[in-house]
Each structure stands twice: as structure tokens, then as C-alpha cells.
N, C-alpha and C. Protein backbone atom coordinates (compact mmCIF):
# COMPACT_ATOMS: atom_id res chain seq x y z
N MET A 1 6.49 -3.49 -39.86
CA MET A 1 6.23 -4.51 -38.89
C MET A 1 6.92 -4.14 -37.57
N ARG A 2 6.23 -4.36 -36.50
CA ARG A 2 6.75 -4.03 -35.18
C ARG A 2 7.47 -5.23 -34.56
N ASN A 3 8.64 -4.99 -34.01
CA ASN A 3 9.37 -6.06 -33.33
C ASN A 3 8.82 -6.21 -31.91
N ILE A 4 8.59 -7.45 -31.53
CA ILE A 4 8.10 -7.73 -30.18
C ILE A 4 9.26 -8.28 -29.37
N LEU A 5 9.59 -7.57 -28.30
CA LEU A 5 10.68 -7.99 -27.43
C LEU A 5 10.20 -9.08 -26.47
N GLU A 6 11.00 -10.08 -26.29
CA GLU A 6 10.73 -11.04 -25.23
C GLU A 6 11.22 -10.42 -23.93
N ARG A 7 10.50 -10.69 -22.88
CA ARG A 7 10.92 -10.13 -21.60
C ARG A 7 10.72 -11.16 -20.50
N ALA A 8 11.55 -11.06 -19.52
CA ALA A 8 11.42 -11.91 -18.34
C ALA A 8 10.36 -11.29 -17.44
N VAL A 9 9.56 -12.13 -16.82
CA VAL A 9 8.53 -11.65 -15.90
C VAL A 9 8.86 -12.18 -14.51
N LEU A 10 9.18 -11.25 -13.61
CA LEU A 10 9.44 -11.57 -12.21
C LEU A 10 8.12 -11.38 -11.46
N THR A 11 7.63 -12.43 -10.83
CA THR A 11 6.35 -12.37 -10.14
C THR A 11 6.56 -12.47 -8.63
N VAL A 12 6.04 -11.50 -7.91
CA VAL A 12 6.04 -11.53 -6.44
C VAL A 12 4.76 -12.24 -6.04
N THR A 13 4.92 -13.37 -5.34
CA THR A 13 3.77 -14.21 -5.03
C THR A 13 3.92 -14.87 -3.66
N ARG A 14 2.81 -15.38 -3.13
CA ARG A 14 2.85 -16.12 -1.87
C ARG A 14 3.50 -17.48 -2.12
N HIS A 15 4.35 -17.93 -1.17
CA HIS A 15 4.99 -19.23 -1.30
C HIS A 15 5.31 -19.77 0.09
N ASP A 16 4.72 -20.90 0.43
CA ASP A 16 4.95 -21.56 1.72
C ASP A 16 4.78 -20.62 2.92
N GLY A 17 3.73 -19.83 2.91
CA GLY A 17 3.44 -18.96 4.04
C GLY A 17 4.22 -17.66 4.07
N SER A 18 5.03 -17.42 3.08
CA SER A 18 5.78 -16.16 3.00
C SER A 18 5.63 -15.61 1.58
N TRP A 19 6.39 -14.60 1.27
CA TRP A 19 6.39 -14.00 -0.06
C TRP A 19 7.70 -14.33 -0.75
N ALA A 20 7.66 -14.46 -2.07
CA ALA A 20 8.88 -14.81 -2.81
C ALA A 20 8.79 -14.25 -4.22
N VAL A 21 9.92 -14.30 -4.90
CA VAL A 21 10.01 -13.89 -6.30
C VAL A 21 10.10 -15.15 -7.14
N GLU A 22 9.29 -15.21 -8.19
CA GLU A 22 9.30 -16.36 -9.09
C GLU A 22 9.72 -15.89 -10.48
N LEU A 23 10.63 -16.64 -11.09
CA LEU A 23 11.10 -16.35 -12.44
C LEU A 23 11.28 -17.66 -13.17
N ASP A 24 10.51 -17.86 -14.22
CA ASP A 24 10.59 -19.09 -15.03
C ASP A 24 10.45 -20.35 -14.17
N GLY A 25 9.55 -20.31 -13.19
CA GLY A 25 9.31 -21.47 -12.35
C GLY A 25 10.25 -21.63 -11.18
N ASP A 26 11.29 -20.81 -11.12
CA ASP A 26 12.23 -20.85 -9.99
C ASP A 26 11.78 -19.87 -8.92
N VAL A 27 11.75 -20.34 -7.68
CA VAL A 27 11.35 -19.49 -6.55
C VAL A 27 12.62 -19.05 -5.83
N MET A 28 12.72 -17.75 -5.57
CA MET A 28 13.91 -17.20 -4.91
C MET A 28 13.53 -16.03 -4.02
N ASP A 29 14.47 -15.58 -3.23
CA ASP A 29 14.32 -14.36 -2.42
C ASP A 29 13.07 -14.37 -1.55
N GLN A 30 12.89 -15.42 -0.77
CA GLN A 30 11.74 -15.46 0.13
C GLN A 30 11.86 -14.39 1.21
N SER A 31 10.71 -13.84 1.58
CA SER A 31 10.66 -12.78 2.58
C SER A 31 9.39 -12.94 3.40
N LEU A 32 9.44 -12.53 4.66
CA LEU A 32 8.25 -12.61 5.49
C LEU A 32 7.17 -11.62 5.07
N ASP A 33 7.58 -10.50 4.46
CA ASP A 33 6.59 -9.51 4.04
C ASP A 33 6.67 -9.25 2.53
N LYS A 34 5.58 -8.76 2.03
CA LYS A 34 5.43 -8.49 0.61
C LYS A 34 6.41 -7.41 0.14
N GLU A 35 6.64 -6.40 0.96
CA GLU A 35 7.52 -5.30 0.57
C GLU A 35 8.95 -5.79 0.36
N GLY A 36 9.41 -6.71 1.21
CA GLY A 36 10.75 -7.26 1.07
C GLY A 36 10.91 -8.03 -0.23
N ALA A 37 9.89 -8.80 -0.59
CA ALA A 37 9.93 -9.56 -1.84
C ALA A 37 9.86 -8.61 -3.04
N CYS A 38 9.07 -7.54 -2.93
CA CYS A 38 9.00 -6.55 -4.02
C CYS A 38 10.35 -5.87 -4.21
N ALA A 39 11.02 -5.54 -3.12
CA ALA A 39 12.34 -4.91 -3.22
C ALA A 39 13.34 -5.86 -3.88
N ALA A 40 13.28 -7.14 -3.53
CA ALA A 40 14.17 -8.12 -4.13
C ALA A 40 13.89 -8.27 -5.63
N ALA A 41 12.62 -8.28 -5.99
CA ALA A 41 12.25 -8.39 -7.41
C ALA A 41 12.75 -7.17 -8.19
N ASN A 42 12.61 -6.00 -7.59
CA ASN A 42 13.08 -4.78 -8.27
C ASN A 42 14.60 -4.76 -8.41
N ARG A 43 15.32 -5.26 -7.40
CA ARG A 43 16.78 -5.36 -7.52
C ARG A 43 17.18 -6.30 -8.65
N ARG A 44 16.51 -7.45 -8.72
CA ARG A 44 16.80 -8.40 -9.81
C ARG A 44 16.45 -7.80 -11.17
N ALA A 45 15.33 -7.09 -11.25
CA ALA A 45 14.94 -6.47 -12.51
C ALA A 45 15.95 -5.42 -12.94
N ARG A 46 16.43 -4.66 -11.99
CA ARG A 46 17.42 -3.62 -12.30
C ARG A 46 18.71 -4.25 -12.83
N ALA A 47 19.15 -5.34 -12.20
CA ALA A 47 20.36 -6.03 -12.65
C ALA A 47 20.16 -6.60 -14.06
N MET A 48 18.97 -7.11 -14.34
CA MET A 48 18.69 -7.63 -15.67
C MET A 48 18.70 -6.51 -16.71
N MET A 49 18.09 -5.39 -16.36
CA MET A 49 18.05 -4.25 -17.28
C MET A 49 19.46 -3.71 -17.54
N ASP A 50 20.31 -3.72 -16.50
CA ASP A 50 21.69 -3.28 -16.67
C ASP A 50 22.45 -4.17 -17.65
N ARG A 51 22.03 -5.45 -17.74
CA ARG A 51 22.64 -6.37 -18.70
C ARG A 51 21.98 -6.30 -20.07
N GLY A 52 20.98 -5.40 -20.22
CA GLY A 52 20.32 -5.21 -21.50
C GLY A 52 19.13 -6.11 -21.76
N LEU A 53 18.62 -6.77 -20.72
CA LEU A 53 17.48 -7.65 -20.86
C LEU A 53 16.19 -6.92 -20.50
N ALA A 54 15.15 -7.18 -21.25
CA ALA A 54 13.84 -6.60 -20.95
C ALA A 54 13.18 -7.43 -19.87
N CYS A 55 12.53 -6.77 -18.92
CA CYS A 55 11.87 -7.50 -17.84
C CYS A 55 10.69 -6.70 -17.30
N GLN A 56 9.87 -7.40 -16.51
CA GLN A 56 8.69 -6.80 -15.91
C GLN A 56 8.50 -7.41 -14.53
N VAL A 57 8.10 -6.60 -13.57
CA VAL A 57 7.78 -7.09 -12.23
C VAL A 57 6.27 -7.06 -12.06
N VAL A 58 5.71 -8.20 -11.67
CA VAL A 58 4.27 -8.32 -11.45
C VAL A 58 4.06 -8.75 -10.00
N VAL A 59 3.14 -8.10 -9.32
CA VAL A 59 2.85 -8.44 -7.92
C VAL A 59 1.49 -9.13 -7.87
N ALA A 60 1.49 -10.38 -7.44
CA ALA A 60 0.24 -11.14 -7.33
C ALA A 60 -0.70 -10.44 -6.35
N GLY A 61 -1.97 -10.34 -6.73
CA GLY A 61 -2.95 -9.73 -5.86
C GLY A 61 -3.15 -8.24 -6.10
N ASP A 62 -2.24 -7.61 -6.84
CA ASP A 62 -2.42 -6.20 -7.19
C ASP A 62 -2.99 -6.13 -8.60
N GLY A 63 -4.15 -5.57 -8.71
CA GLY A 63 -4.75 -5.48 -10.03
C GLY A 63 -6.22 -5.83 -9.98
N LEU A 64 -6.77 -6.06 -11.14
CA LEU A 64 -8.20 -6.34 -11.27
C LEU A 64 -8.50 -7.79 -10.94
N ARG A 65 -9.68 -8.00 -10.41
CA ARG A 65 -10.15 -9.36 -10.16
C ARG A 65 -11.25 -9.65 -11.16
N PHE A 66 -11.08 -10.74 -11.86
CA PHE A 66 -12.06 -11.11 -12.88
C PHE A 66 -12.95 -12.23 -12.36
N GLY A 67 -14.14 -12.29 -12.89
CA GLY A 67 -15.03 -13.39 -12.56
C GLY A 67 -15.84 -13.19 -11.30
N LEU A 68 -15.87 -11.99 -10.75
CA LEU A 68 -16.67 -11.73 -9.55
C LEU A 68 -18.01 -11.13 -9.96
N THR A 69 -18.97 -11.98 -10.21
CA THR A 69 -20.29 -11.50 -10.61
C THR A 69 -21.32 -12.07 -9.65
N ARG A 70 -22.39 -11.34 -9.48
CA ARG A 70 -23.49 -11.79 -8.62
C ARG A 70 -24.76 -11.77 -9.40
């Protein structure tokens, strides 16, 4: 049987006209640009990994779009 690790998911998303990092419903590290929020999310992820926690950074808007059919 395979063990499934729980992991924290840090999401870079739009918030109040800027970009921010969201974790478990908490919004933090607001930035005017997406790159700044991504850097903040990666710093937080690195700190979590250093403490031995599994985590993932997801950037809203990067990836596949579903439901676009004509």
C-alpha cells in the first residue's frame, strides 16, 4: 500500500486588484505583480520544506483551461 502525504498548497491568485498568496483560506504577501507574489510563495514553500512539510505552489491562470468548446 502506498502512503499518501498531505501537503499544503500555496496558491498565487488575484486579490483586490493585486496578486497574493493564499494558504488554507488565509491571504498573505500581496504584491502589485504576479512575479512578486510567486517569489513570496516560493520563499514560504522553501521554509515549509525546511521544516519537513510537504507543499506545492500553484499559480492561478497557468495551466489548461477546461470547458472552452464551440
